[in-house]
């Protein structure tokens, strides 16, 4: 399994990455939407953990573009600034799940495993 973490909160993204690597899950991190789109143009992760509020291209726009170009990628929205409307929009665009920060890392990992199994 290959996971891409996309979050402008660098310390949080790196902690999640470390926790996944401890479970032998191949994980990469990028810190903005533009880098996420560049990454998936070269490599296709199985699961993407995606923040919504980032500088430049926001997470919803990344989700929209990913689902057009790489629909097999399972996307988990992981945000601290989401609303019920954001959740409905994200799921309508094809997000696997929508989690609010802060969330227990084990809960996030269970969503990642479930998303991977639905691929």
PDB file of N, CA and C in Angstrom:
ATOM      1  N   UNK A   1       0.854  -1.180   0.000  1.00  0.00           N
ATOM      2  CA  UNK A   1       0.000   0.000   0.000  1.00  0.00           C
ATOM      3  C   UNK A   1       0.894   1.235   0.000  1.00  0.00           C
ATOM      4  N   UNK A   2       0.500   2.218  -0.790  1.00  0.00           N
ATOM      5  CA  UNK A   2       1.202   3.501  -0.863  1.00  0.00           C
ATOM      6  C   UNK A   2       0.227   4.594  -0.422  1.00  0.00           C
ATOM      7  N   UNK A   3       0.651   5.408   0.574  1.00  0.00           N
ATOM      8  CA  UNK A   3      -0.187   6.480   1.104  1.00  0.00           C
ATOM      9  C   UNK A   3       0.527   7.815   0.896  1.00  0.00           C
ATOM     10  N   UNK A   4      -0.227   8.817   0.482  1.00  0.00           N
ATOM     11  CA  UNK A   4       0.292  10.184   0.372  1.00  0.00           C
ATOM     12  C   UNK A   4      -0.447  11.059   1.372  1.00  0.00           C
ATOM     13  N   UNK A   5       0.309  11.727   2.245  1.00  0.00           N
ATOM     14  CA  UNK A   5      -0.240  12.684   3.201  1.00  0.00           C
ATOM     15  C   UNK A   5      -0.068  14.068   2.593  1.00  0.00           C
ATOM     16  N   UNK A   6      -1.159  14.845   2.518  1.00  0.00           N
ATOM     17  CA  UNK A   6      -1.112  16.198   1.970  1.00  0.00           C
ATOM     18  C   UNK A   6      -1.656  17.144   3.030  1.00  0.00           C
ATOM     19  N   UNK A   7      -0.745  17.899   3.656  1.00  0.00           N
ATOM     20  CA  UNK A   7      -1.165  18.786   4.750  1.00  0.00           C
ATOM     21  C   UNK A   7      -0.113  19.869   4.933  1.00  0.00           C
ATOM     22  N   UNK A   8      -0.555  21.109   5.071  1.00  0.00           N
ATOM     23  CA  UNK A   8       0.389  22.208   5.274  1.00  0.00           C
ATOM     24  C   UNK A   8       0.866  22.314   6.724  1.00  0.00           C
ATOM     25  N   UNK A   9       0.280  21.547   7.632  1.00  0.00           N
ATOM     26  CA  UNK A   9       0.779  21.464   9.006  1.00  0.00           C
ATOM     27  C   UNK A   9       1.894  20.423   9.014  1.00  0.00           C
ATOM     28  N   UNK A  10       3.108  20.881   8.767  1.00  0.00           N
ATOM     29  CA  UNK A  10       4.233  19.972   8.535  1.00  0.00           C
ATOM     30  C   UNK A  10       4.469  19.006   9.686  1.00  0.00           C
ATOM     31  N   UNK A  11       4.416  19.487  10.912  1.00  0.00           N
ATOM     32  CA  UNK A  11       4.702  18.591  12.040  1.00  0.00           C
ATOM     33  C   UNK A  11       3.649  17.490  12.141  1.00  0.00           C
ATOM     34  N   UNK A  12       2.385  17.834  11.953  1.00  0.00           N
ATOM     35  CA  UNK A  12       1.320  16.828  11.993  1.00  0.00           C
ATOM     36  C   UNK A  12       1.490  15.819  10.856  1.00  0.00           C
ATOM     37  N   UNK A  13       1.751  16.307   9.656  1.00  0.00           N
ATOM     38  CA  UNK A  13       1.909  15.421   8.506  1.00  0.00           C
ATOM     39  C   UNK A  13       3.070  14.453   8.723  1.00  0.00           C
ATOM     40  N   UNK A  14       4.151  14.941   9.286  1.00  0.00           N
ATOM     41  CA  UNK A  14       5.305  14.081   9.504  1.00  0.00           C
ATOM     42  C   UNK A  14       5.057  13.066  10.624  1.00  0.00           C
ATOM     43  N   UNK A  15       4.309  13.450  11.649  1.00  0.00           N
ATOM     44  CA  UNK A  15       3.951  12.500  12.709  1.00  0.00           C
ATOM     45  C   UNK A  15       3.094  11.367  12.135  1.00  0.00           C
ATOM     46  N   UNK A  16       2.100  11.725  11.330  1.00  0.00           N
ATOM     47  CA  UNK A  16       1.243  10.705  10.707  1.00  0.00           C
ATOM     48  C   UNK A  16       2.096   9.790   9.832  1.00  0.00           C
ATOM     49  N   UNK A  17       2.979  10.390   9.061  1.00  0.00           N
ATOM     50  CA  UNK A  17       3.861   9.609   8.193  1.00  0.00           C
ATOM     51  C   UNK A  17       4.693   8.627   9.013  1.00  0.00           C
ATOM     52  N   UNK A  18       5.275   9.080  10.096  1.00  0.00           N
ATOM     53  CA  UNK A  18       6.081   8.202  10.953  1.00  0.00           C
ATOM     54  C   UNK A  18       5.254   7.060  11.520  1.00  0.00           C
ATOM     55  N   UNK A  19       4.048   7.380  11.972  1.00  0.00           N
ATOM     56  CA  UNK A  19       3.180   6.336  12.547  1.00  0.00           C
ATOM     57  C   UNK A  19       2.814   5.283  11.507  1.00  0.00           C
ATOM     58  N   UNK A  20       2.580   5.715  10.265  1.00  0.00           N
ATOM     59  CA  UNK A  20       2.267   4.756   9.202  1.00  0.00           C
ATOM     60  C   UNK A  20       3.487   3.912   8.856  1.00  0.00           C
ATOM     61  N   UNK A  21       4.648   4.530   8.810  1.00  0.00           N
ATOM     62  CA  UNK A  21       5.864   3.788   8.494  1.00  0.00           C
ATOM     63  C   UNK A  21       6.184   2.755   9.576  1.00  0.00           C
ATOM     64  N   UNK A  22       5.829   3.067  10.836  1.00  0.00           N
ATOM     65  CA  UNK A  22       6.017   2.078  11.904  1.00  0.00           C
ATOM     66  C   UNK A  22       5.185   0.828  11.657  1.00  0.00           C
ATOM     67  N   UNK A  23       4.113   0.983  10.893  1.00  0.00           N
ATOM     68  CA  UNK A  23       3.255  -0.152  10.527  1.00  0.00           C
ATOM     69  C   UNK A  23       3.635  -0.717   9.155  1.00  0.00           C
ATOM     70  N   UNK A  24       4.817  -0.344   8.686  1.00  0.00           N
ATOM     71  CA  UNK A  24       5.346  -0.817   7.393  1.00  0.00           C
ATOM     72  C   UNK A  24       4.483  -0.398   6.215  1.00  0.00           C
ATOM     73  N   UNK A  25       3.857   0.772   6.321  1.00  0.00           N
ATOM     74  CA  UNK A  25       3.060   1.317   5.226  1.00  0.00           C
ATOM     75  C   UNK A  25       3.915   2.358   4.505  1.00  0.00           C
ATOM     76  N   UNK A  26       4.103   2.162   3.216  1.00  0.00           N
ATOM     77  CA  UNK A  26       4.892   3.074   2.388  1.00  0.00           C
ATOM     78  C   UNK A  26       4.159   4.414   2.320  1.00  0.00           C
ATOM     79  N   UNK A  27       4.801   5.468   2.832  1.00  0.00           N
ATOM     80  CA  UNK A  27       4.134   6.759   2.967  1.00  0.00           C
ATOM     81  C   UNK A  27       5.039   7.890   2.513  1.00  0.00           C
ATOM     82  N   UNK A  28       4.463   8.841   1.786  1.00  0.00           N
ATOM     83  CA  UNK A  28       5.143  10.073   1.410  1.00  0.00           C
ATOM     84  C   UNK A  28       4.319  11.252   1.912  1.00  0.00           C
ATOM     85  N   UNK A  29       4.960  12.414   2.000  1.00  0.00           N
ATOM     86  CA  UNK A  29       4.302  13.624   2.477  1.00  0.00           C
ATOM     87  C   UNK A  29       4.600  14.766   1.519  1.00  0.00           C
ATOM     88  N   UNK A  30       3.574  15.550   1.209  1.00  0.00           N
ATOM     89  CA  UNK A  30       3.741  16.838   0.548  1.00  0.00           C
ATOM     90  C   UNK A  30       2.936  17.858   1.349  1.00  0.00           C
ATOM     91  N   UNK A  31       3.282  19.131   1.183  1.00  0.00           N
ATOM     92  CA  UNK A  31       2.733  20.144   2.074  1.00  0.00           C
ATOM     93  C   UNK A  31       1.786  21.142   1.420  1.00  0.00           C
ATOM     94  N   UNK A  32       1.395  20.899   0.164  1.00  0.00           N
ATOM     95  CA  UNK A  32       0.427  21.791  -0.485  1.00  0.00           C
ATOM     96  C   UNK A  32      -0.236  21.065  -1.656  1.00  0.00           C
ATOM     97  N   UNK A  33      -1.325  21.665  -2.132  1.00  0.00           N
ATOM     98  CA  UNK A  33      -2.111  21.047  -3.193  1.00  0.00           C
ATOM     99  C   UNK A  33      -1.375  20.919  -4.505  1.00  0.00           C
ATOM    100  N   UNK A  34      -0.602  21.922  -4.859  1.00  0.00           N
ATOM    101  CA  UNK A  34       0.167  21.885  -6.104  1.00  0.00           C
ATOM    102  C   UNK A  34       1.140  20.705  -6.098  1.00  0.00           C
ATOM    103  N   UNK A  35       1.833  20.510  -4.985  1.00  0.00           N
ATOM    104  CA  UNK A  35       2.769  19.384  -4.875  1.00  0.00           C
ATOM    105  C   UNK A  35       2.043  18.047  -4.939  1.00  0.00           C
ATOM    106  N   UNK A  36       0.833  17.991  -4.386  1.00  0.00           N
ATOM    107  CA  UNK A  36       0.044  16.762  -4.450  1.00  0.00           C
ATOM    108  C   UNK A  36      -0.292  16.415  -5.900  1.00  0.00           C
ATOM    109  N   UNK A  37      -0.706  17.408  -6.667  1.00  0.00           N
ATOM    110  CA  UNK A  37      -1.048  17.163  -8.071  1.00  0.00           C
ATOM    111  C   UNK A  37       0.189  16.756  -8.874  1.00  0.00           C
ATOM    112  N   UNK A  38       1.327  17.381  -8.589  1.00  0.00           N
ATOM    113  CA  UNK A  38       2.565  16.999  -9.269  1.00  0.00           C
ATOM    114  C   UNK A  38       2.948  15.563  -8.910  1.00  0.00           C
ATOM    115  N   UNK A  39       2.805  15.211  -7.644  1.00  0.00           N
ATOM    116  CA  UNK A  39       3.132  13.858  -7.172  1.00  0.00           C
ATOM    117  C   UNK A  39       2.308  12.820  -7.926  1.00  0.00           C
ATOM    118  N   UNK A  40       0.997  13.008  -7.974  1.00  0.00           N
ATOM    119  CA  UNK A  40       0.143  11.992  -8.601  1.00  0.00           C
ATOM    120  C   UNK A  40       0.269  11.975 -10.121  1.00  0.00           C
ATOM    121  N   UNK A  41       0.878  13.007 -10.702  1.00  0.00           N
ATOM    122  CA  UNK A  41       1.127  12.953 -12.143  1.00  0.00           C
ATOM    123  C   UNK A  41       2.268  11.984 -12.458  1.00  0.00           C
ATOM    124  N   UNK A  42       3.078  11.647 -11.424  1.00  0.00           N
ATOM    125  CA  UNK A  42       4.211  10.737 -11.613  1.00  0.00           C
ATOM    126  C   UNK A  42       3.990   9.388 -10.936  1.00  0.00           C
ATOM    127  N   UNK A  43       3.413   9.408  -9.752  1.00  0.00           N
ATOM    128  CA  UNK A  43       3.158   8.196  -8.970  1.00  0.00           C
ATOM    129  C   UNK A  43       1.699   8.188  -8.554  1.00  0.00           C
ATOM    130  N   UNK A  44       1.128   7.008  -8.424  1.00  0.00           N
ATOM    131  CA  UNK A  44      -0.268   6.928  -8.002  1.00  0.00           C
ATOM    132  C   UNK A  44      -0.363   6.224  -6.653  1.00  0.00           C
ATOM    133  N   UNK A  45      -0.570   7.011  -5.593  1.00  0.00           N
ATOM    134  CA  UNK A  45      -0.759   6.358  -4.300  1.00  0.00           C
ATOM    135  C   UNK A  45      -2.094   5.623  -4.286  1.00  0.00           C
ATOM    136  N   UNK A  46      -2.207   4.663  -3.389  1.00  0.00           N
ATOM    137  CA  UNK A  46      -3.478   3.961  -3.228  1.00  0.00           C
ATOM    138  C   UNK A  46      -4.464   4.812  -2.449  1.00  0.00           C
ATOM    139  N   UNK A  47      -3.931   5.517  -1.427  1.00  0.00           N
ATOM    140  CA  UNK A  47      -4.761   6.333  -0.544  1.00  0.00           C
ATOM    141  C   UNK A  47      -4.089   7.688  -0.347  1.00  0.00           C
ATOM    142  N   UNK A  48      -4.897   8.740  -0.367  1.00  0.00           N
ATOM    143  CA  UNK A  48      -4.416  10.089  -0.090  1.00  0.00           C
ATOM    144  C   UNK A  48      -5.168  10.622   1.125  1.00  0.00           C
ATOM    145  N   UNK A  49      -4.412  11.120   2.104  1.00  0.00           N
ATOM    146  CA  UNK A  49      -4.991  11.804   3.260  1.00  0.00           C
ATOM    147  C   UNK A  49      -4.808  13.284   2.986  1.00  0.00           C
ATOM    148  N   UNK A  50      -5.913  14.008   2.835  1.00  0.00           N
ATOM    149  CA  UNK A  50      -5.897  15.351   2.257  1.00  0.00           C
ATOM    150  C   UNK A  50      -6.546  16.381   3.164  1.00  0.00           C
ATOM    151  N   UNK A  51      -5.783  17.424   3.503  1.00  0.00           N
ATOM    152  CA  UNK A  51      -6.313  18.570   4.239  1.00  0.00           C
ATOM    153  C   UNK A  51      -7.116  19.443   3.275  1.00  0.00           C
ATOM    154  N   UNK A  52      -8.083  20.175   3.788  1.00  0.00           N
ATOM    155  CA  UNK A  52      -8.858  21.075   2.934  1.00  0.00           C
ATOM    156  C   UNK A  52      -8.234  22.458   2.813  1.00  0.00           C
ATOM    157  N   UNK A  53      -7.882  23.062   3.934  1.00  0.00           N
ATOM    158  CA  UNK A  53      -7.397  24.447   3.934  1.00  0.00           C
ATOM    159  C   UNK A  53      -5.888  24.482   3.840  1.00  0.00           C
ATOM    160  N   UNK A  54      -5.410  24.782   2.631  1.00  0.00           N
ATOM    161  CA  UNK A  54      -3.976  24.889   2.374  1.00  0.00           C
ATOM    162  C   UNK A  54      -3.746  26.096   1.485  1.00  0.00           C
ATOM    163  N   UNK A  55      -2.551  26.656   1.533  1.00  0.00           N
ATOM    164  CA  UNK A  55      -2.264  27.775   0.629  1.00  0.00           C
ATOM    165  C   UNK A  55      -2.264  27.312  -0.825  1.00  0.00           C
ATOM    166  N   UNK A  56      -2.573  28.212  -1.715  1.00  0.00           N
ATOM    167  CA  UNK A  56      -2.606  27.851  -3.137  1.00  0.00           C
ATOM    168  C   UNK A  56      -3.853  27.045  -3.448  1.00  0.00           C
ATOM    169  N   UNK A  57      -3.664  25.893  -4.035  1.00  0.00           N
ATOM    170  CA  UNK A  57      -4.789  25.026  -4.407  1.00  0.00           C
ATOM    171  C   UNK A  57      -5.311  24.336  -3.152  1.00  0.00           C
ATOM    172  N   UNK A  58      -6.585  24.548  -2.844  1.00  0.00           N
ATOM    173  CA  UNK A  58      -7.145  23.945  -1.625  1.00  0.00           C
ATOM    174  C   UNK A  58      -7.477  22.466  -1.849  1.00  0.00           C
ATOM    175  N   UNK A  59      -7.742  21.779  -0.751  1.00  0.00           N
ATOM    176  CA  UNK A  59      -7.985  20.346  -0.798  1.00  0.00           C
ATOM    177  C   UNK A  59      -9.185  19.942  -1.638  1.00  0.00           C
ATOM    178  N   UNK A  60     -10.233  20.732  -1.615  1.00  0.00           N
ATOM    179  CA  UNK A  60     -11.427  20.383  -2.402  1.00  0.00           C
ATOM    180  C   UNK A  60     -11.100  20.400  -3.896  1.00  0.00           C
ATOM    181  N   UNK A  61     -10.300  21.379  -4.320  1.00  0.00           N
ATOM    182  CA  UNK A  61      -9.903  21.446  -5.730  1.00  0.00           C
ATOM    183  C   UNK A  61      -8.970  20.286  -6.085  1.00  0.00           C
ATOM    184  N   UNK A  62      -8.079  19.927  -5.167  1.00  0.00           N
ATOM    185  CA  UNK A  62      -7.213  18.762  -5.398  1.00  0.00           C
ATOM    186  C   UNK A  62      -8.076  17.505  -5.553  1.00  0.00           C
ATOM    187  N   UNK A  63      -9.031  17.323  -4.658  1.00  0.00           N
ATOM    188  CA  UNK A  63      -9.935  16.172  -4.739  1.00  0.00           C
ATOM    189  C   UNK A  63     -10.653  16.144  -6.087  1.00  0.00           C
ATOM    190  N   UNK A  64     -11.179  17.280  -6.487  1.00  0.00           N
ATOM    191  CA  UNK A  64     -11.909  17.373  -7.761  1.00  0.00           C
ATOM    192  C   UNK A  64     -11.010  16.925  -8.917  1.00  0.00           C
ATOM    193  N   UNK A  65      -9.781  17.423  -8.955  1.00  0.00           N
ATOM    194  CA  UNK A  65      -8.869  17.086 -10.056  1.00  0.00           C
ATOM    195  C   UNK A  65      -8.406  15.635  -9.985  1.00  0.00           C
ATOM    196  N   UNK A  66      -8.126  15.146  -8.790  1.00  0.00           N
ATOM    197  CA  UNK A  66      -7.667  13.762  -8.621  1.00  0.00           C
ATOM    198  C   UNK A  66      -8.728  12.786  -9.112  1.00  0.00           C
ATOM    199  N   UNK A  67      -9.965  13.031  -8.768  1.00  0.00           N
ATOM    200  CA  UNK A  67     -11.026  12.094  -9.139  1.00  0.00           C
ATOM    201  C   UNK A  67     -11.289  12.082 -10.639  1.00  0.00           C
ATOM    202  N   UNK A  68     -10.879  13.142 -11.348  1.00  0.00           N
ATOM    203  CA  UNK A  68     -10.995  13.151 -12.810  1.00  0.00           C
ATOM    204  C   UNK A  68      -9.822  12.401 -13.440  1.00  0.00           C
ATOM    205  N   UNK A  69      -8.604  12.682 -12.943  1.00  0.00           N
ATOM    206  CA  UNK A  69      -7.416  12.108 -13.575  1.00  0.00           C
ATOM    207  C   UNK A  69      -7.003  10.758 -13.005  1.00  0.00           C
ATOM    208  N   UNK A  70      -7.263  10.519 -11.726  1.00  0.00           N
ATOM    209  CA  UNK A  70      -6.836   9.286 -11.058  1.00  0.00           C
ATOM    210  C   UNK A  70      -7.958   8.759 -10.155  1.00  0.00           C
ATOM    211  N   UNK A  71      -9.068   8.343 -10.721  1.00  0.00           N
ATOM    212  CA  UNK A  71     -10.225   7.989  -9.893  1.00  0.00           C
ATOM    213  C   UNK A  71     -10.013   6.801  -8.955  1.00  0.00           C
ATOM    214  N   UNK A  72      -8.976   5.991  -9.183  1.00  0.00           N
ATOM    215  CA  UNK A  72      -8.734   4.835  -8.310  1.00  0.00           C
ATOM    216  C   UNK A  72      -8.150   5.239  -6.957  1.00  0.00           C
ATOM    217  N   UNK A  73      -7.586   6.447  -6.872  1.00  0.00           N
ATOM    218  CA  UNK A  73      -7.009   6.884  -5.602  1.00  0.00           C
ATOM    219  C   UNK A  73      -8.141   7.122  -4.608  1.00  0.00           C
ATOM    220  N   UNK A  74      -8.051   6.470  -3.461  1.00  0.00           N
ATOM    221  CA  UNK A  74      -9.026   6.669  -2.395  1.00  0.00           C
ATOM    222  C   UNK A  74      -8.582   7.889  -1.579  1.00  0.00           C
ATOM    223  N   UNK A  75      -9.468   8.863  -1.407  1.00  0.00           N
ATOM    224  CA  UNK A  75      -9.117  10.106  -0.723  1.00  0.00           C
ATOM    225  C   UNK A  75      -9.872  10.208   0.597  1.00  0.00           C
ATOM    226  N   UNK A  76      -9.100  10.462   1.651  1.00  0.00           N
ATOM    227  CA  UNK A  76      -9.663  10.719   2.971  1.00  0.00           C
ATOM    228  C   UNK A  76      -9.417  12.182   3.282  1.00  0.00           C
ATOM    229  N   UNK A  77     -10.492  12.927   3.472  1.00  0.00           N
ATOM    230  CA  UNK A  77     -10.351  14.325   3.882  1.00  0.00           C
ATOM    231  C   UNK A  77     -10.076  14.335   5.378  1.00  0.00           C
ATOM    232  N   UNK A  78      -9.013  15.052   5.766  1.00  0.00           N
ATOM    233  CA  UNK A  78      -8.593  15.139   7.166  1.00  0.00           C
ATOM    234  C   UNK A  78      -8.332  16.617   7.448  1.00  0.00           C
ATOM    235  N   UNK A  79      -9.313  17.276   8.070  1.00  0.00           N
ATOM    236  CA  UNK A  79      -9.259  18.723   8.178  1.00  0.00           C
ATOM    237  C   UNK A  79      -9.687  19.220   9.551  1.00  0.00           C
ATOM    238  N   UNK A  80      -9.203  20.379   9.894  1.00  0.00           N
ATOM    239  CA  UNK A  80      -9.615  21.023  11.140  1.00  0.00           C
ATOM    240  C   UNK A  80     -10.632  22.113  10.910  1.00  0.00           C
ATOM    241  N   UNK A  81     -10.946  22.396   9.651  1.00  0.00           N
ATOM    242  CA  UNK A  81     -11.825  23.528   9.333  1.00  0.00           C
ATOM    243  C   UNK A  81     -12.932  23.134   8.367  1.00  0.00           C
ATOM    244  N   UNK A  82     -13.535  21.997   8.587  1.00  0.00           N
ATOM    245  CA  UNK A  82     -14.584  21.542   7.691  1.00  0.00           C
ATOM    246  C   UNK A  82     -15.967  21.781   8.266  1.00  0.00           C
ATOM    247  N   UNK A  83     -16.941  21.656   7.414  1.00  0.00           N
ATOM    248  CA  UNK A  83     -18.340  21.825   7.816  1.00  0.00           C
ATOM    249  C   UNK A  83     -19.144  20.656   7.241  1.00  0.00           C
ATOM    250  N   UNK A  84     -20.417  20.588   7.642  1.00  0.00           N
ATOM    251  CA  UNK A  84     -21.293  19.557   7.067  1.00  0.00           C
ATOM    252  C   UNK A  84     -21.385  19.732   5.554  1.00  0.00           C
ATOM    253  N   UNK A  85     -21.415  20.981   5.106  1.00  0.00           N
ATOM    254  CA  UNK A  85     -21.459  21.246   3.666  1.00  0.00           C
ATOM    255  C   UNK A  85     -20.204  20.758   2.959  1.00  0.00           C
ATOM    256  N   UNK A  86     -19.044  20.962   3.605  1.00  0.00           N
ATOM    257  CA  UNK A  86     -17.787  20.470   3.033  1.00  0.00           C
ATOM    258  C   UNK A  86     -17.802  18.948   2.934  1.00  0.00           C
ATOM    259  N   UNK A  87     -18.317  18.304   3.987  1.00  0.00           N
ATOM    260  CA  UNK A  87     -18.379  16.842   3.975  1.00  0.00           C
ATOM    261  C   UNK A  87     -19.270  16.341   2.843  1.00  0.00           C
ATOM    262  N   UNK A  88     -20.423  16.961   2.665  1.00  0.00           N
ATOM    263  CA  UNK A  88     -21.323  16.563   1.579  1.00  0.00           C
ATOM    264  C   UNK A  88     -20.676  16.774   0.219  1.00  0.00           C
ATOM    265  N   UNK A  89     -20.011  17.924   0.057  1.00  0.00           N
ATOM    266  CA  UNK A  89     -19.342  18.210  -1.218  1.00  0.00           C
ATOM    267  C   UNK A  89     -18.229  17.194  -1.483  1.00  0.00           C
ATOM    268  N   UNK A  90     -17.406  16.930  -0.464  1.00  0.00           N
ATOM    269  CA  UNK A  90     -16.288  16.001  -0.631  1.00  0.00           C
ATOM    270  C   UNK A  90     -16.783  14.600  -0.987  1.00  0.00           C
ATOM    271  N   UNK A  91     -17.793  14.139  -0.283  1.00  0.00           N
ATOM    272  CA  UNK A  91     -18.319  12.805  -0.580  1.00  0.00           C
ATOM    273  C   UNK A  91     -18.974  12.769  -1.958  1.00  0.00           C
ATOM    274  N   UNK A  92     -19.610  13.880  -2.349  1.00  0.00           N
ATOM    275  CA  UNK A  92     -20.187  13.966  -3.687  1.00  0.00           C
ATOM    276  C   UNK A  92     -19.132  13.922  -4.780  1.00  0.00           C
ATOM    277  N   UNK A  93     -17.938  14.402  -4.455  1.00  0.00           N
ATOM    278  CA  UNK A  93     -16.824  14.370  -5.410  1.00  0.00           C
ATOM    279  C   UNK A  93     -16.081  13.035  -5.393  1.00  0.00           C
ATOM    280  N   UNK A  94     -16.441  12.163  -4.448  1.00  0.00           N
ATOM    281  CA  UNK A  94     -15.844  10.834  -4.425  1.00  0.00           C
ATOM    282  C   UNK A  94     -14.891  10.556  -3.277  1.00  0.00           C
ATOM    283  N   UNK A  95     -14.842  11.429  -2.263  1.00  0.00           N
ATOM    284  CA  UNK A  95     -13.991  11.154  -1.103  1.00  0.00           C
ATOM    285  C   UNK A  95     -14.484   9.901  -0.393  1.00  0.00           C
ATOM    286  N   UNK A  96     -13.551   9.102   0.071  1.00  0.00           N
ATOM    287  CA  UNK A  96     -13.915   7.890   0.802  1.00  0.00           C
ATOM    288  C   UNK A  96     -14.498   8.228   2.165  1.00  0.00           C
ATOM    289  N   UNK A  97     -13.838   9.148   2.885  1.00  0.00           N
ATOM    290  CA  UNK A  97     -14.328   9.535   4.205  1.00  0.00           C
ATOM    291  C   UNK A  97     -13.876  10.948   4.544  1.00  0.00           C
ATOM    292  N   UNK A  98     -14.439  11.469   5.608  1.00  0.00           N
ATOM    293  CA  UNK A  98     -14.227  12.854   6.026  1.00  0.00           C
ATOM    294  C   UNK A  98     -14.007  12.837   7.531  1.00  0.00           C
ATOM    295  N   UNK A  99     -12.778  13.164   7.960  1.00  0.00           N
ATOM    296  CA  UNK A  99     -12.439  13.163   9.380  1.00  0.00           C
ATOM    297  C   UNK A  99     -12.046  14.566   9.823  1.00  0.00           C
ATOM    298  N   UNK A 100     -12.472  14.909  11.017  1.00  0.00           N
ATOM    299  CA  UNK A 100     -12.111  16.208  11.580  1.00  0.00           C
ATOM    300  C   UNK A 100     -10.905  16.049  12.493  1.00  0.00           C
ATOM    301  N   UNK A 101      -9.988  17.011  12.418  1.00  0.00           N
ATOM    302  CA  UNK A 101      -8.854  17.084  13.345  1.00  0.00           C
ATOM    303  C   UNK A 101      -9.347  17.725  14.628  1.00  0.00           C
ATOM    304  N   UNK A 102      -8.811  17.422  15.758  1.00  0.00           N
ATOM    305  CA  UNK A 102      -7.846  16.342  15.929  1.00  0.00           C
ATOM    306  C   UNK A 102      -8.579  15.012  15.983  1.00  0.00           C
ATOM    307  N   UNK A 103      -7.978  14.019  15.400  1.00  0.00           N
ATOM    308  CA  UNK A 103      -8.537  12.666  15.447  1.00  0.00           C
ATOM    309  C   UNK A 103      -7.436  11.734  15.922  1.00  0.00           C
ATOM    310  N   UNK A 104      -7.819  10.707  16.590  1.00  0.00           N
ATOM    311  CA  UNK A 104      -6.874   9.696  17.032  1.00  0.00           C
ATOM    312  C   UNK A 104      -6.199   9.101  15.801  1.00  0.00           C
ATOM    313  N   UNK A 105      -4.883   8.978  15.839  1.00  0.00           N
ATOM    314  CA  UNK A 105      -4.150   8.443  14.694  1.00  0.00           C
ATOM    315  C   UNK A 105      -4.608   7.029  14.362  1.00  0.00           C
ATOM    316  N   UNK A 106      -4.980   6.255  15.362  1.00  0.00           N
ATOM    317  CA  UNK A 106      -5.459   4.896  15.096  1.00  0.00           C
ATOM    318  C   UNK A 106      -6.778   4.907  14.328  1.00  0.00           C
ATOM    319  N   UNK A 107      -7.622   5.900  14.575  1.00  0.00           N
ATOM    320  CA  UNK A 107      -8.869   6.040  13.808  1.00  0.00           C
ATOM    321  C   UNK A 107      -8.539   6.367  12.355  1.00  0.00           C
ATOM    322  N   UNK A 108      -7.606   7.298  12.168  1.00  0.00           N
ATOM    323  CA  UNK A 108      -7.181   7.637  10.808  1.00  0.00           C
ATOM    324  C   UNK A 108      -6.619   6.409  10.104  1.00  0.00           C
ATOM    325  N   UNK A 109      -5.786   5.650  10.786  1.00  0.00           N
ATOM    326  CA  UNK A 109      -5.197   4.455  10.176  1.00  0.00           C
ATOM    327  C   UNK A 109      -6.272   3.435   9.815  1.00  0.00           C
ATOM    328  N   UNK A 110      -7.297   3.287  10.645  1.00  0.00           N
ATOM    329  CA  UNK A 110      -8.375   2.344  10.298  1.00  0.00           C
ATOM    330  C   UNK A 110      -9.115   2.815   9.050  1.00  0.00           C
ATOM    331  N   UNK A 111      -9.290   4.126   8.890  1.00  0.00           N
ATOM    332  CA  UNK A 111      -9.919   4.659   7.667  1.00  0.00           C
ATOM    333  C   UNK A 111      -9.021   4.407   6.451  1.00  0.00           C
ATOM    334  N   UNK A 112      -7.713   4.565   6.633  1.00  0.00           N
ATOM    335  CA  UNK A 112      -6.781   4.301   5.538  1.00  0.00           C
ATOM    336  C   UNK A 112      -6.866   2.842   5.117  1.00  0.00           C
ATOM    337  N   UNK A 113      -6.870   1.930   6.082  1.00  0.00           N
ATOM    338  CA  UNK A 113      -6.944   0.499   5.764  1.00  0.00           C
ATOM    339  C   UNK A 113      -8.259   0.154   5.059  1.00  0.00           C
ATOM    340  N   UNK A 114      -9.348   0.747   5.534  1.00  0.00           N
ATOM    341  CA  UNK A 114     -10.652   0.510   4.903  1.00  0.00           C
ATOM    342  C   UNK A 114     -10.672   1.064   3.473  1.00  0.00           C
ATOM    343  N   UNK A 115     -10.131   2.263   3.288  1.00  0.00           N
ATOM    344  CA  UNK A 115     -10.092   2.867   1.961  1.00  0.00           C
ATOM    345  C   UNK A 115      -9.263   2.006   1.011  1.00  0.00           C
ATOM    346  N   UNK A 116      -8.152   1.501   1.497  1.00  0.00           N
ATOM    347  CA  UNK A 116      -7.295   0.654   0.679  1.00  0.00           C
ATOM    348  C   UNK A 116      -8.034  -0.623   0.257  1.00  0.00           C
ATOM    349  N   UNK A 117      -8.783  -1.196   1.174  1.00  0.00           N
ATOM    350  CA  UNK A 117      -9.503  -2.426   0.851  1.00  0.00           C
ATOM    351  C   UNK A 117     -10.657  -2.184  -0.123  1.00  0.00           C
ATOM    352  N   UNK A 118     -11.119  -0.934  -0.245  1.00  0.00           N
ATOM    353  CA  UNK A 118     -12.198  -0.598  -1.183  1.00  0.00           C
ATOM    354  C   UNK A 118     -11.670  -0.189  -2.546  1.00  0.00           C
ATOM    355  N   UNK A 119     -10.370  -0.184  -2.723  1.00  0.00           N
ATOM    356  CA  UNK A 119      -9.762   0.275  -3.962  1.00  0.00           C
ATOM    357  C   UNK A 119     -10.073  -0.641  -5.117  1.00  0.00           C
TER     358      UNK A 119
END
